[in-house]
């Protein structure tokens, strides 16, 4: 238990340092009112911008659609320097492409696991909100900290399951193993 707590703290520190490093190239600005920026409805509060003035990330003030997914208000969107979506931190558990992706965390409503999309808007990966059957495969729910809580479920752009950790033995694979049907 003690090793798990220490590992979780170290892992969290590592991710926080990585995030801080990426933000060091971005400029923080306070939005006094909600504002539409590059087509995204940013909420009142803190938003980050790249040095060239393009939006880096913000909390959204209303639900938005990304592909077939309806992203709940309060989620955080993060963009790459080319203005393409990098990832989303969901404010609430959200149904996307037939699975329920984990939202929120101990850090706040949108401070946890990231959900990624292909440029086409199709789901690329998310952490499941609890154990779920994904395309008839028993996949483990997960979160950002610690492998014991699972693994991100990954999909091909065509929507086929690429990998997940198993909640039970399945087709010769053992419980807890990373299932990759293409292997």
Foldseek 3Di string as FASTA:
>chain_A
DVVQVVQLVVLVVVVVVVVVVVQVQKDKDAACAFDQAPNFTAGGGIWIAGPVGHGAKGFGQAWDAQQNFTAGGRKMWGADPVRQTAWIAGLQFGDALNFTAHHQDPVHSRPWWIWDADSNRHTAKGFGPAFDQDVNATAFGAIDTDCVRWDIFGADNVGHTQWTAHCADDPNDGHRDIDGPVD
